[in-house]
N, C-alpha and C. Protein backbone atom coordinates (compact mmCIF):
# COMPACT_ATOMS: atom_id res chain seq x y z
N MET A 1 -64.19 -25.79 33.76
CA MET A 1 -63.47 -25.31 32.57
C MET A 1 -61.97 -25.30 32.84
N GLN A 2 -61.23 -25.96 31.96
CA GLN A 2 -59.77 -26.01 32.08
C GLN A 2 -59.18 -25.80 30.69
N LEU A 3 -58.88 -24.54 30.37
CA LEU A 3 -58.40 -24.18 29.04
C LEU A 3 -56.88 -24.02 29.05
N THR A 4 -56.24 -24.66 28.08
CA THR A 4 -54.80 -24.51 27.88
C THR A 4 -54.57 -24.17 26.42
N LEU A 5 -53.81 -23.10 26.18
CA LEU A 5 -53.50 -22.67 24.82
C LEU A 5 -52.02 -22.85 24.56
N TYR A 6 -51.71 -23.66 23.56
CA TYR A 6 -50.33 -23.81 23.11
C TYR A 6 -50.09 -22.72 22.06
N THR A 7 -49.17 -21.84 22.38
CA THR A 7 -48.96 -20.64 21.59
C THR A 7 -47.48 -20.47 21.28
N SER A 8 -47.15 -19.42 20.55
CA SER A 8 -45.75 -19.14 20.23
C SER A 8 -45.58 -17.64 20.08
N PRO A 9 -44.55 -17.06 20.68
CA PRO A 9 -44.33 -15.61 20.56
C PRO A 9 -44.22 -15.19 19.10
N GLY A 10 -44.94 -14.13 18.75
CA GLY A 10 -44.87 -13.61 17.40
C GLY A 10 -45.85 -14.23 16.43
N SER A 11 -46.60 -15.24 16.85
CA SER A 11 -47.56 -15.89 15.96
C SER A 11 -48.87 -15.13 15.95
N GLY A 12 -49.24 -14.57 14.80
CA GLY A 12 -50.51 -13.89 14.68
C GLY A 12 -51.68 -14.83 14.81
N ASN A 13 -51.52 -16.07 14.36
CA ASN A 13 -52.60 -17.04 14.46
C ASN A 13 -52.87 -17.42 15.91
N ALA A 14 -51.83 -17.55 16.70
CA ALA A 14 -52.03 -17.83 18.12
C ALA A 14 -52.59 -16.60 18.83
N TYR A 15 -52.12 -15.43 18.43
CA TYR A 15 -52.58 -14.20 19.08
C TYR A 15 -54.07 -13.99 18.92
N LYS A 16 -54.62 -14.27 17.73
CA LYS A 16 -56.04 -14.02 17.51
C LYS A 16 -56.90 -14.86 18.45
N VAL A 17 -56.45 -16.08 18.77
CA VAL A 17 -57.17 -16.92 19.72
C VAL A 17 -57.03 -16.37 21.13
N GLU A 18 -55.81 -15.98 21.48
CA GLU A 18 -55.59 -15.44 22.83
C GLU A 18 -56.37 -14.14 23.02
N LEU A 19 -56.49 -13.35 21.95
CA LEU A 19 -57.26 -12.11 22.04
C LEU A 19 -58.72 -12.42 22.35
N LEU A 20 -59.32 -13.39 21.67
CA LEU A 20 -60.72 -13.73 21.96
C LEU A 20 -60.87 -14.28 23.37
N LEU A 21 -59.94 -15.10 23.81
CA LEU A 21 -59.99 -15.60 25.18
C LEU A 21 -60.05 -14.45 26.17
N ARG A 22 -59.27 -13.41 25.92
CA ARG A 22 -59.24 -12.26 26.83
C ARG A 22 -60.50 -11.40 26.69
N LEU A 23 -60.99 -11.24 25.46
CA LEU A 23 -62.23 -10.47 25.28
C LEU A 23 -63.41 -11.16 25.96
N LEU A 24 -63.39 -12.49 25.97
CA LEU A 24 -64.44 -13.26 26.65
C LEU A 24 -64.19 -13.39 28.15
N LYS A 25 -63.03 -12.91 28.60
CA LYS A 25 -62.65 -12.98 30.01
C LYS A 25 -62.60 -14.42 30.51
N LEU A 26 -62.05 -15.30 29.68
CA LEU A 26 -61.94 -16.70 30.04
C LEU A 26 -60.56 -16.98 30.64
N PRO A 27 -60.51 -17.60 31.80
CA PRO A 27 -59.20 -17.98 32.35
C PRO A 27 -58.59 -19.12 31.54
N TYR A 28 -57.30 -19.03 31.31
CA TYR A 28 -56.61 -20.06 30.53
C TYR A 28 -55.14 -20.08 30.91
N GLN A 29 -54.50 -21.18 30.58
CA GLN A 29 -53.06 -21.30 30.78
C GLN A 29 -52.39 -21.30 29.42
N ALA A 30 -51.40 -20.43 29.26
CA ALA A 30 -50.66 -20.35 28.00
C ALA A 30 -49.36 -21.14 28.13
N ARG A 31 -49.11 -22.00 27.16
CA ARG A 31 -47.86 -22.77 27.13
C ARG A 31 -47.13 -22.44 25.83
N ALA A 32 -45.95 -21.86 25.97
CA ALA A 32 -45.17 -21.42 24.80
C ALA A 32 -44.51 -22.61 24.12
N VAL A 33 -44.59 -22.62 22.80
CA VAL A 33 -43.94 -23.62 21.97
C VAL A 33 -42.98 -22.88 21.05
N SER A 34 -41.71 -23.22 21.10
CA SER A 34 -40.70 -22.53 20.29
C SER A 34 -40.67 -23.10 18.88
N LEU A 35 -41.04 -22.27 17.92
CA LEU A 35 -40.95 -22.70 16.52
C LEU A 35 -39.50 -22.68 16.05
N VAL A 36 -38.70 -21.79 16.63
CA VAL A 36 -37.28 -21.71 16.26
C VAL A 36 -36.56 -23.00 16.62
N ARG A 37 -36.92 -23.57 17.76
CA ARG A 37 -36.29 -24.83 18.19
C ARG A 37 -37.08 -26.06 17.72
N ASN A 38 -38.05 -25.83 16.84
CA ASN A 38 -38.85 -26.93 16.25
C ASN A 38 -39.59 -27.75 17.30
N GLU A 39 -39.97 -27.09 18.39
CA GLU A 39 -40.72 -27.82 19.41
C GLU A 39 -42.09 -28.25 18.90
N ASN A 40 -42.57 -27.57 17.86
CA ASN A 40 -43.86 -27.95 17.27
C ASN A 40 -43.77 -29.26 16.48
N LEU A 41 -42.55 -29.74 16.26
CA LEU A 41 -42.36 -31.01 15.55
C LEU A 41 -41.98 -32.15 16.49
N SER A 42 -42.00 -31.86 17.79
CA SER A 42 -41.68 -32.90 18.75
C SER A 42 -42.80 -33.93 18.80
N ALA A 43 -42.47 -35.13 19.26
CA ALA A 43 -43.48 -36.18 19.36
C ALA A 43 -44.61 -35.77 20.29
N GLU A 44 -44.28 -35.07 21.35
CA GLU A 44 -45.30 -34.65 22.32
C GLU A 44 -46.29 -33.68 21.68
N PHE A 45 -45.76 -32.72 20.91
CA PHE A 45 -46.66 -31.75 20.29
C PHE A 45 -47.46 -32.39 19.15
N LEU A 46 -46.80 -33.20 18.34
CA LEU A 46 -47.48 -33.84 17.21
C LEU A 46 -48.60 -34.77 17.67
N ALA A 47 -48.52 -35.24 18.89
CA ALA A 47 -49.61 -36.06 19.43
C ALA A 47 -50.88 -35.24 19.61
N ARG A 48 -50.72 -33.92 19.76
CA ARG A 48 -51.88 -33.03 19.89
C ARG A 48 -52.30 -32.46 18.54
N ASN A 49 -51.34 -32.19 17.68
CA ASN A 49 -51.66 -31.64 16.36
C ASN A 49 -50.71 -32.25 15.34
N ARG A 50 -51.21 -33.19 14.58
CA ARG A 50 -50.37 -33.91 13.61
C ARG A 50 -49.78 -32.98 12.56
N PHE A 51 -50.40 -31.82 12.34
CA PHE A 51 -49.90 -30.86 11.36
C PHE A 51 -48.71 -30.06 11.90
N GLY A 52 -48.48 -30.13 13.21
CA GLY A 52 -47.35 -29.41 13.79
C GLY A 52 -47.53 -27.91 13.77
N GLN A 53 -48.77 -27.44 13.86
CA GLN A 53 -49.05 -26.02 13.74
C GLN A 53 -49.55 -25.44 15.06
N ILE A 54 -49.24 -24.16 15.23
CA ILE A 54 -49.73 -23.35 16.34
C ILE A 54 -50.92 -22.55 15.83
N PRO A 55 -51.97 -22.38 16.65
CA PRO A 55 -52.14 -22.76 18.05
C PRO A 55 -52.86 -24.10 18.20
N VAL A 56 -52.86 -24.57 19.45
CA VAL A 56 -53.68 -25.72 19.86
C VAL A 56 -54.38 -25.31 21.15
N LEU A 57 -55.67 -25.58 21.22
CA LEU A 57 -56.44 -25.31 22.44
C LEU A 57 -56.91 -26.63 23.03
N VAL A 58 -56.65 -26.80 24.31
CA VAL A 58 -57.13 -27.98 25.03
C VAL A 58 -58.18 -27.50 26.03
N ASP A 59 -59.38 -28.03 25.92
CA ASP A 59 -60.48 -27.71 26.82
C ASP A 59 -60.93 -29.01 27.47
N GLY A 60 -60.40 -29.29 28.65
CA GLY A 60 -60.69 -30.56 29.29
C GLY A 60 -60.13 -31.71 28.47
N ASP A 61 -60.99 -32.59 27.99
CA ASP A 61 -60.57 -33.72 27.17
C ASP A 61 -60.59 -33.40 25.67
N LEU A 62 -61.03 -32.19 25.32
CA LEU A 62 -61.16 -31.81 23.92
C LEU A 62 -59.90 -31.10 23.44
N VAL A 63 -59.35 -31.54 22.32
CA VAL A 63 -58.17 -30.91 21.72
C VAL A 63 -58.57 -30.31 20.38
N LEU A 64 -58.37 -29.01 20.23
CA LEU A 64 -58.77 -28.31 19.01
C LEU A 64 -57.56 -27.67 18.34
N THR A 65 -57.52 -27.76 17.02
CA THR A 65 -56.44 -27.15 16.24
C THR A 65 -57.05 -26.24 15.18
N ASP A 66 -56.20 -25.40 14.59
CA ASP A 66 -56.56 -24.39 13.59
C ASP A 66 -57.19 -23.19 14.29
N SER A 67 -56.58 -22.03 14.09
CA SER A 67 -57.01 -20.83 14.80
C SER A 67 -58.46 -20.48 14.53
N HIS A 68 -58.91 -20.63 13.29
CA HIS A 68 -60.29 -20.24 12.97
C HIS A 68 -61.29 -21.23 13.55
N ALA A 69 -60.97 -22.49 13.53
CA ALA A 69 -61.84 -23.48 14.17
C ALA A 69 -61.94 -23.20 15.67
N ILE A 70 -60.83 -22.82 16.28
CA ILE A 70 -60.84 -22.52 17.71
C ILE A 70 -61.67 -21.26 17.99
N LEU A 71 -61.54 -20.24 17.16
CA LEU A 71 -62.35 -19.03 17.34
C LEU A 71 -63.84 -19.37 17.31
N MET A 72 -64.24 -20.17 16.34
CA MET A 72 -65.65 -20.52 16.23
C MET A 72 -66.12 -21.33 17.44
N TYR A 73 -65.27 -22.23 17.91
CA TYR A 73 -65.61 -23.03 19.09
C TYR A 73 -65.80 -22.14 20.31
N LEU A 74 -64.85 -21.27 20.57
CA LEU A 74 -64.93 -20.41 21.74
C LEU A 74 -66.17 -19.52 21.70
N ALA A 75 -66.45 -18.96 20.50
CA ALA A 75 -67.59 -18.06 20.38
C ALA A 75 -68.90 -18.79 20.63
N GLY A 76 -68.96 -20.07 20.27
CA GLY A 76 -70.18 -20.83 20.49
C GLY A 76 -70.28 -21.46 21.86
N GLN A 77 -69.15 -21.91 22.37
CA GLN A 77 -69.14 -22.63 23.65
C GLN A 77 -69.20 -21.70 24.85
N TYR A 78 -68.63 -20.52 24.71
CA TYR A 78 -68.53 -19.59 25.84
C TYR A 78 -69.08 -18.22 25.43
N PRO A 79 -70.41 -18.06 25.44
CA PRO A 79 -71.00 -16.79 25.03
C PRO A 79 -70.45 -15.61 25.83
N ASP A 80 -70.34 -14.48 25.17
CA ASP A 80 -69.87 -13.25 25.80
C ASP A 80 -70.86 -12.83 26.88
N ALA A 81 -70.36 -12.58 28.08
CA ALA A 81 -71.24 -12.19 29.19
C ALA A 81 -71.98 -10.89 28.90
N SER A 82 -71.41 -10.06 28.02
CA SER A 82 -72.05 -8.78 27.69
C SER A 82 -73.17 -8.93 26.67
N GLY A 83 -73.32 -10.12 26.10
CA GLY A 83 -74.33 -10.34 25.07
C GLY A 83 -73.83 -10.13 23.66
N HIS A 84 -72.57 -9.77 23.51
CA HIS A 84 -72.00 -9.58 22.18
C HIS A 84 -71.93 -10.92 21.44
N GLU A 85 -72.37 -10.92 20.19
CA GLU A 85 -72.34 -12.14 19.39
C GLU A 85 -71.13 -12.14 18.47
N TRP A 86 -70.12 -12.90 18.84
CA TRP A 86 -68.91 -12.97 18.03
C TRP A 86 -69.08 -13.83 16.80
N ALA A 87 -70.00 -14.78 16.83
CA ALA A 87 -70.24 -15.65 15.67
C ALA A 87 -71.69 -16.11 15.65
N PRO A 88 -72.61 -15.23 15.21
CA PRO A 88 -74.00 -15.63 15.10
C PRO A 88 -74.17 -16.83 14.17
N LEU A 89 -75.07 -17.73 14.51
CA LEU A 89 -75.23 -18.97 13.74
C LEU A 89 -76.34 -18.90 12.72
N GLU A 90 -77.04 -17.77 12.61
CA GLU A 90 -78.03 -17.63 11.55
C GLU A 90 -77.31 -17.79 10.21
N PRO A 91 -77.80 -18.64 9.31
CA PRO A 91 -77.02 -19.05 8.13
C PRO A 91 -76.45 -17.91 7.30
N ALA A 92 -77.25 -16.89 7.00
CA ALA A 92 -76.75 -15.80 6.16
C ALA A 92 -75.65 -15.02 6.86
N LEU A 93 -75.79 -14.80 8.16
CA LEU A 93 -74.77 -14.08 8.92
C LEU A 93 -73.50 -14.92 9.06
N LEU A 94 -73.68 -16.20 9.34
CA LEU A 94 -72.52 -17.08 9.47
C LEU A 94 -71.75 -17.18 8.15
N ALA A 95 -72.46 -17.18 7.03
CA ALA A 95 -71.80 -17.24 5.73
C ALA A 95 -70.89 -16.03 5.52
N ARG A 96 -71.34 -14.86 5.94
CA ARG A 96 -70.50 -13.65 5.80
C ARG A 96 -69.25 -13.76 6.66
N ILE A 97 -69.41 -14.30 7.85
CA ILE A 97 -68.24 -14.47 8.72
C ILE A 97 -67.27 -15.47 8.12
N MET A 98 -67.78 -16.59 7.66
CA MET A 98 -66.92 -17.63 7.10
C MET A 98 -66.18 -17.13 5.86
N ARG A 99 -66.81 -16.24 5.10
CA ARG A 99 -66.13 -15.68 3.93
C ARG A 99 -64.84 -14.99 4.33
N TRP A 100 -64.89 -14.23 5.42
CA TRP A 100 -63.69 -13.50 5.84
C TRP A 100 -62.69 -14.39 6.59
N LEU A 101 -63.18 -15.45 7.21
CA LEU A 101 -62.23 -16.41 7.76
C LEU A 101 -61.43 -17.05 6.63
N SER A 102 -62.09 -17.29 5.50
CA SER A 102 -61.39 -17.83 4.33
C SER A 102 -60.38 -16.83 3.79
N VAL A 103 -60.73 -15.55 3.76
CA VAL A 103 -59.78 -14.52 3.34
C VAL A 103 -58.56 -14.51 4.26
N SER A 104 -58.80 -14.62 5.55
CA SER A 104 -57.69 -14.65 6.51
C SER A 104 -56.76 -15.82 6.26
N ALA A 105 -57.34 -16.99 5.97
CA ALA A 105 -56.54 -18.19 5.78
C ALA A 105 -55.85 -18.24 4.42
N ASN A 106 -56.32 -17.46 3.47
CA ASN A 106 -55.77 -17.52 2.12
C ASN A 106 -55.08 -16.21 1.73
N GLU A 107 -55.84 -15.21 1.33
CA GLU A 107 -55.24 -13.98 0.82
C GLU A 107 -54.36 -13.27 1.86
N ILE A 108 -54.85 -13.18 3.09
CA ILE A 108 -54.05 -12.49 4.12
C ILE A 108 -52.85 -13.34 4.50
N GLN A 109 -53.04 -14.63 4.66
CA GLN A 109 -51.93 -15.50 5.00
C GLN A 109 -50.83 -15.45 3.93
N ASN A 110 -51.23 -15.60 2.67
CA ASN A 110 -50.26 -15.65 1.58
C ASN A 110 -49.72 -14.28 1.19
N GLY A 111 -50.54 -13.22 1.41
CA GLY A 111 -50.13 -11.91 0.96
C GLY A 111 -49.55 -11.01 2.03
N LEU A 112 -49.81 -11.28 3.32
CA LEU A 112 -49.29 -10.44 4.39
C LEU A 112 -48.45 -11.22 5.39
N ALA A 113 -48.89 -12.43 5.74
CA ALA A 113 -48.11 -13.22 6.70
C ALA A 113 -46.86 -13.81 6.06
N ILE A 114 -46.94 -14.26 4.81
CA ILE A 114 -45.79 -14.90 4.17
C ILE A 114 -44.63 -13.92 3.96
N PRO A 115 -44.85 -12.70 3.45
CA PRO A 115 -43.72 -11.77 3.35
C PRO A 115 -43.03 -11.52 4.69
N ARG A 116 -43.81 -11.44 5.76
CA ARG A 116 -43.24 -11.28 7.10
C ARG A 116 -42.39 -12.49 7.46
N ALA A 117 -42.89 -13.68 7.16
CA ALA A 117 -42.13 -14.90 7.48
C ALA A 117 -40.85 -14.98 6.65
N VAL A 118 -40.91 -14.51 5.42
CA VAL A 118 -39.70 -14.50 4.58
C VAL A 118 -38.64 -13.60 5.20
N LYS A 119 -39.05 -12.40 5.62
CA LYS A 119 -38.09 -11.43 6.15
C LYS A 119 -37.59 -11.77 7.55
N LEU A 120 -38.48 -12.29 8.39
CA LEU A 120 -38.10 -12.52 9.78
C LEU A 120 -37.62 -13.94 10.06
N LEU A 121 -38.11 -14.91 9.28
CA LEU A 121 -37.78 -16.31 9.53
C LEU A 121 -37.05 -16.99 8.37
N ASN A 122 -36.80 -16.22 7.31
CA ASN A 122 -36.11 -16.76 6.13
C ASN A 122 -36.85 -17.93 5.49
N TRP A 123 -38.17 -17.89 5.53
CA TRP A 123 -38.93 -18.93 4.87
C TRP A 123 -38.70 -18.86 3.35
N PRO A 124 -38.60 -20.00 2.69
CA PRO A 124 -38.24 -20.02 1.26
C PRO A 124 -39.45 -19.82 0.34
N TYR A 125 -40.05 -18.64 0.40
CA TYR A 125 -41.19 -18.34 -0.46
C TYR A 125 -40.85 -17.17 -1.37
N ASP A 126 -41.68 -16.97 -2.39
CA ASP A 126 -41.48 -15.89 -3.35
C ASP A 126 -41.94 -14.58 -2.70
N TYR A 127 -40.98 -13.78 -2.28
CA TYR A 127 -41.30 -12.55 -1.55
C TYR A 127 -42.06 -11.57 -2.43
N ALA A 128 -41.61 -11.35 -3.64
CA ALA A 128 -42.25 -10.37 -4.53
C ALA A 128 -43.70 -10.74 -4.81
N GLN A 129 -43.94 -12.02 -5.02
CA GLN A 129 -45.32 -12.46 -5.26
C GLN A 129 -46.18 -12.22 -4.02
N GLY A 130 -45.61 -12.51 -2.85
CA GLY A 130 -46.35 -12.28 -1.62
C GLY A 130 -46.71 -10.81 -1.44
N VAL A 131 -45.77 -9.92 -1.74
CA VAL A 131 -46.03 -8.49 -1.61
C VAL A 131 -47.14 -8.06 -2.57
N ARG A 132 -47.10 -8.56 -3.79
CA ARG A 132 -48.17 -8.22 -4.75
C ARG A 132 -49.53 -8.68 -4.21
N MET A 133 -49.57 -9.88 -3.68
CA MET A 133 -50.83 -10.39 -3.12
C MET A 133 -51.25 -9.57 -1.91
N GLY A 134 -50.28 -9.14 -1.12
CA GLY A 134 -50.58 -8.35 0.06
C GLY A 134 -51.23 -7.03 -0.28
N TYR A 135 -50.67 -6.32 -1.24
CA TYR A 135 -51.26 -5.05 -1.63
C TYR A 135 -52.62 -5.24 -2.30
N ARG A 136 -52.78 -6.35 -3.00
CA ARG A 136 -54.08 -6.61 -3.63
C ARG A 136 -55.17 -6.78 -2.57
N ILE A 137 -54.91 -7.59 -1.54
CA ILE A 137 -55.94 -7.80 -0.54
C ILE A 137 -56.17 -6.54 0.29
N LEU A 138 -55.13 -5.75 0.51
CA LEU A 138 -55.34 -4.48 1.21
C LEU A 138 -56.27 -3.57 0.42
N GLY A 139 -56.10 -3.55 -0.89
CA GLY A 139 -56.98 -2.75 -1.72
C GLY A 139 -58.42 -3.22 -1.66
N ILE A 140 -58.60 -4.53 -1.71
CA ILE A 140 -59.95 -5.09 -1.63
C ILE A 140 -60.58 -4.76 -0.27
N MET A 141 -59.82 -4.94 0.80
CA MET A 141 -60.33 -4.65 2.14
C MET A 141 -60.64 -3.17 2.29
N ASP A 142 -59.79 -2.30 1.73
CA ASP A 142 -60.00 -0.87 1.85
C ASP A 142 -61.30 -0.45 1.15
N ASP A 143 -61.53 -0.99 -0.03
CA ASP A 143 -62.78 -0.69 -0.74
C ASP A 143 -63.99 -1.21 0.05
N HIS A 144 -63.86 -2.41 0.58
CA HIS A 144 -64.96 -3.03 1.33
C HIS A 144 -65.29 -2.22 2.58
N LEU A 145 -64.26 -1.74 3.28
CA LEU A 145 -64.45 -1.05 4.54
C LEU A 145 -64.77 0.43 4.37
N ALA A 146 -64.72 0.93 3.15
CA ALA A 146 -64.97 2.36 2.93
C ALA A 146 -66.38 2.75 3.35
N GLY A 147 -67.33 1.84 3.27
CA GLY A 147 -68.70 2.17 3.62
C GLY A 147 -69.23 1.41 4.82
N ARG A 148 -68.34 0.83 5.63
CA ARG A 148 -68.79 0.04 6.77
C ARG A 148 -67.71 0.04 7.84
N GLU A 149 -68.09 -0.35 9.05
CA GLU A 149 -67.13 -0.33 10.16
C GLU A 149 -66.44 -1.68 10.35
N TRP A 150 -67.15 -2.78 10.06
CA TRP A 150 -66.62 -4.11 10.35
C TRP A 150 -66.68 -4.97 9.10
N LEU A 151 -65.89 -6.03 9.07
CA LEU A 151 -65.75 -6.82 7.86
C LEU A 151 -67.00 -7.58 7.47
N ALA A 152 -67.61 -8.25 8.42
CA ALA A 152 -68.70 -9.17 8.08
C ALA A 152 -70.08 -8.63 8.42
N LEU A 153 -70.25 -8.15 9.64
CA LEU A 153 -71.56 -7.72 10.11
C LEU A 153 -71.50 -6.27 10.59
N SER A 154 -72.57 -5.81 11.21
CA SER A 154 -72.61 -4.42 11.68
C SER A 154 -71.90 -4.24 13.01
N HIS A 155 -71.35 -5.32 13.56
CA HIS A 155 -70.58 -5.26 14.80
C HIS A 155 -69.36 -6.18 14.65
N ALA A 156 -68.43 -6.06 15.55
CA ALA A 156 -67.21 -6.87 15.50
C ALA A 156 -67.55 -8.34 15.68
N THR A 157 -66.90 -9.19 14.89
CA THR A 157 -67.08 -10.63 14.97
C THR A 157 -65.72 -11.32 14.94
N VAL A 158 -65.75 -12.64 14.99
CA VAL A 158 -64.49 -13.38 14.88
C VAL A 158 -63.81 -13.13 13.54
N ALA A 159 -64.58 -12.69 12.52
CA ALA A 159 -63.97 -12.35 11.24
C ALA A 159 -62.96 -11.23 11.40
N ASP A 160 -63.30 -10.22 12.19
CA ASP A 160 -62.38 -9.10 12.41
C ASP A 160 -61.16 -9.55 13.22
N LEU A 161 -61.38 -10.38 14.23
CA LEU A 161 -60.26 -10.87 15.03
C LEU A 161 -59.33 -11.74 14.19
N ALA A 162 -59.90 -12.52 13.28
CA ALA A 162 -59.09 -13.40 12.44
C ALA A 162 -58.22 -12.63 11.47
N CYS A 163 -58.75 -11.55 10.92
CA CYS A 163 -58.02 -10.80 9.89
C CYS A 163 -57.08 -9.76 10.48
N TYR A 164 -57.33 -9.33 11.69
CA TYR A 164 -56.57 -8.23 12.28
C TYR A 164 -55.06 -8.45 12.40
N PRO A 165 -54.58 -9.59 12.97
CA PRO A 165 -53.16 -9.65 13.32
C PRO A 165 -52.19 -9.40 12.17
N TYR A 166 -52.36 -10.10 11.06
CA TYR A 166 -51.35 -9.98 10.01
C TYR A 166 -51.51 -8.72 9.18
N VAL A 167 -52.69 -8.07 9.25
CA VAL A 167 -52.79 -6.73 8.67
C VAL A 167 -52.02 -5.75 9.55
N MET A 168 -52.22 -5.86 10.85
CA MET A 168 -51.51 -5.00 11.80
C MET A 168 -50.00 -5.18 11.70
N LEU A 169 -49.54 -6.41 11.42
CA LEU A 169 -48.11 -6.73 11.37
C LEU A 169 -47.51 -6.58 9.97
N ALA A 170 -48.27 -6.05 9.02
CA ALA A 170 -47.83 -6.04 7.63
C ALA A 170 -46.49 -5.36 7.42
N SER A 171 -46.22 -4.29 8.17
CA SER A 171 -44.96 -3.56 7.97
C SER A 171 -43.75 -4.41 8.31
N GLU A 172 -43.91 -5.42 9.17
CA GLU A 172 -42.78 -6.29 9.50
C GLU A 172 -42.39 -7.16 8.31
N GLY A 173 -43.24 -7.20 7.29
CA GLY A 173 -42.91 -7.89 6.05
C GLY A 173 -42.61 -6.94 4.92
N GLY A 174 -42.56 -5.63 5.24
CA GLY A 174 -42.23 -4.65 4.22
C GLY A 174 -43.42 -4.11 3.46
N ILE A 175 -44.63 -4.31 3.98
CA ILE A 175 -45.84 -3.85 3.30
C ILE A 175 -46.39 -2.64 4.05
N ASP A 176 -46.62 -1.57 3.30
CA ASP A 176 -47.01 -0.28 3.85
C ASP A 176 -48.54 -0.14 3.82
N THR A 177 -49.17 -0.06 4.98
CA THR A 177 -50.62 0.08 5.04
C THR A 177 -51.07 1.54 5.18
N SER A 178 -50.13 2.48 5.20
CA SER A 178 -50.48 3.87 5.51
C SER A 178 -51.43 4.48 4.48
N GLY A 179 -51.39 4.04 3.24
CA GLY A 179 -52.24 4.61 2.22
C GLY A 179 -53.64 4.02 2.17
N TYR A 180 -53.94 3.09 3.04
CA TYR A 180 -55.24 2.43 3.04
C TYR A 180 -56.04 2.94 4.24
N ARG A 181 -56.69 4.07 4.03
CA ARG A 181 -57.29 4.81 5.15
C ARG A 181 -58.41 4.04 5.82
N ALA A 182 -59.24 3.36 5.04
CA ALA A 182 -60.35 2.61 5.65
C ALA A 182 -59.82 1.42 6.45
N VAL A 183 -58.77 0.78 5.95
CA VAL A 183 -58.14 -0.32 6.70
C VAL A 183 -57.54 0.19 7.99
N ARG A 184 -56.85 1.33 7.92
CA ARG A 184 -56.24 1.89 9.13
C ARG A 184 -57.32 2.24 10.17
N ALA A 185 -58.44 2.79 9.71
CA ALA A 185 -59.52 3.13 10.64
C ALA A 185 -60.11 1.87 11.27
N TRP A 186 -60.21 0.81 10.47
CA TRP A 186 -60.72 -0.48 11.00
C TRP A 186 -59.77 -1.04 12.05
N LEU A 187 -58.46 -0.99 11.80
CA LEU A 187 -57.49 -1.44 12.79
C LEU A 187 -57.70 -0.70 14.12
N GLU A 188 -57.93 0.60 14.03
CA GLU A 188 -58.14 1.39 15.24
C GLU A 188 -59.42 0.99 15.95
N ARG A 189 -60.46 0.63 15.19
CA ARG A 189 -61.70 0.19 15.83
C ARG A 189 -61.50 -1.14 16.55
N VAL A 190 -60.76 -2.05 15.95
CA VAL A 190 -60.47 -3.31 16.63
C VAL A 190 -59.72 -3.03 17.93
N GLU A 191 -58.75 -2.14 17.87
CA GLU A 191 -57.93 -1.83 19.05
C GLU A 191 -58.69 -1.07 20.12
N ALA A 192 -59.86 -0.53 19.76
CA ALA A 192 -60.69 0.19 20.73
C ALA A 192 -61.77 -0.70 21.36
N LEU A 193 -61.80 -1.99 20.99
CA LEU A 193 -62.79 -2.89 21.58
C LEU A 193 -62.57 -2.99 23.09
N PRO A 194 -63.64 -2.99 23.88
CA PRO A 194 -63.48 -3.14 25.33
C PRO A 194 -62.74 -4.43 25.68
N GLY A 195 -61.68 -4.29 26.45
CA GLY A 195 -60.89 -5.45 26.84
C GLY A 195 -59.83 -5.84 25.84
N PHE A 196 -59.63 -5.02 24.79
CA PHE A 196 -58.61 -5.35 23.78
C PHE A 196 -57.25 -5.53 24.45
N TRP A 197 -56.51 -6.54 23.97
CA TRP A 197 -55.17 -6.87 24.47
C TRP A 197 -54.18 -6.77 23.33
N PRO A 198 -53.24 -5.81 23.37
CA PRO A 198 -52.28 -5.67 22.27
C PRO A 198 -51.38 -6.90 22.17
N MET A 199 -51.03 -7.24 20.95
CA MET A 199 -50.14 -8.37 20.72
C MET A 199 -48.74 -8.06 21.24
N PRO A 200 -48.17 -8.89 22.10
CA PRO A 200 -46.78 -8.68 22.53
C PRO A 200 -45.85 -8.72 21.32
N ARG A 201 -44.98 -7.74 21.20
CA ARG A 201 -44.11 -7.65 20.05
C ARG A 201 -42.76 -8.28 20.36
N LEU A 202 -42.19 -8.92 19.39
CA LEU A 202 -40.88 -9.54 19.55
C LEU A 202 -39.80 -8.47 19.57
N PRO A 203 -38.89 -8.53 20.52
CA PRO A 203 -37.83 -7.52 20.57
C PRO A 203 -36.74 -7.80 19.54
N GLY A 204 -36.05 -6.75 19.13
CA GLY A 204 -34.87 -6.90 18.29
C GLY A 204 -35.12 -7.35 16.88
N LEU A 205 -36.31 -7.09 16.34
CA LEU A 205 -36.58 -7.50 14.97
C LEU A 205 -35.81 -6.60 13.99
N PRO A 206 -35.34 -7.15 12.89
CA PRO A 206 -34.63 -6.32 11.91
C PRO A 206 -35.58 -5.36 11.23
N ALA A 207 -35.08 -4.19 10.87
CA ALA A 207 -35.89 -3.22 10.14
C ALA A 207 -36.07 -3.72 8.70
N VAL A 208 -37.28 -3.74 8.24
CA VAL A 208 -37.59 -4.21 6.89
C VAL A 208 -38.02 -3.02 6.05
N PRO A 209 -37.33 -2.72 4.96
CA PRO A 209 -37.74 -1.59 4.11
C PRO A 209 -39.13 -1.81 3.56
N LEU A 210 -39.92 -0.74 3.53
CA LEU A 210 -41.27 -0.83 2.99
C LEU A 210 -41.22 -0.82 1.47
N MET A 211 -41.91 -1.79 0.88
CA MET A 211 -42.00 -1.84 -0.57
C MET A 211 -43.09 -0.87 -1.03
N PRO A 212 -42.86 -0.15 -2.12
CA PRO A 212 -43.86 0.82 -2.56
C PRO A 212 -45.17 0.15 -2.96
N ALA A 213 -46.26 0.76 -2.53
CA ALA A 213 -47.57 0.25 -2.92
C ALA A 213 -47.87 0.63 -4.36
N PRO A 214 -48.55 -0.23 -5.09
CA PRO A 214 -48.90 0.09 -6.47
C PRO A 214 -49.90 1.23 -6.51
N PRO A 215 -49.92 2.00 -7.59
CA PRO A 215 -50.93 3.08 -7.69
C PRO A 215 -52.33 2.51 -7.71
N ARG A 216 -53.26 3.20 -7.11
CA ARG A 216 -54.63 2.75 -7.04
C ARG A 216 -55.48 3.57 -7.99
N GLY A 217 -56.23 2.85 -8.83
CA GLY A 217 -57.06 3.53 -9.79
C GLY A 217 -58.37 4.00 -9.20
């Protein structure tokens, strides 16, 4: 086994893969790619991922892109020594997991990750629209988690790892999660997983004012 992860400081998508690698206790080499210096657009990097996106996982001769695809690969290729099933393949269970991977790639990405990118990286997106989407998905997640501990199944899965980073980082985009009690409790459960590794935080980030959450009916 020879695992290399191309990552970038501050990337929630790269962090979720690195978190699973650590939870599985898999040895790997991390190689930092600077998005600020556009190293992800270099010819060398584009040869591994034509989309120019982080993360990329290299496992021997296999090159994998997209954080969720990598999560599913790791969960299937390297079973947890403790017997924990991060991605059961029984169709009904897998469908529930995939539903939340889709939420991570769409609602969470557009509603929580994009406002953060606007504030920290000056990405040219509609900030107000992103904030509205962010609070909407937080409300949906809060209602969903009110009667359960984990997003997809009765135990933690790759669905929880996929959704965790940008919910945890929401305040860096000006989104206040304090009023979403079930979401906050879920974040704490993820952080209490055996072997959990906190995401390294970028130093010197500007303070972003929290936008008021809409009233909840």
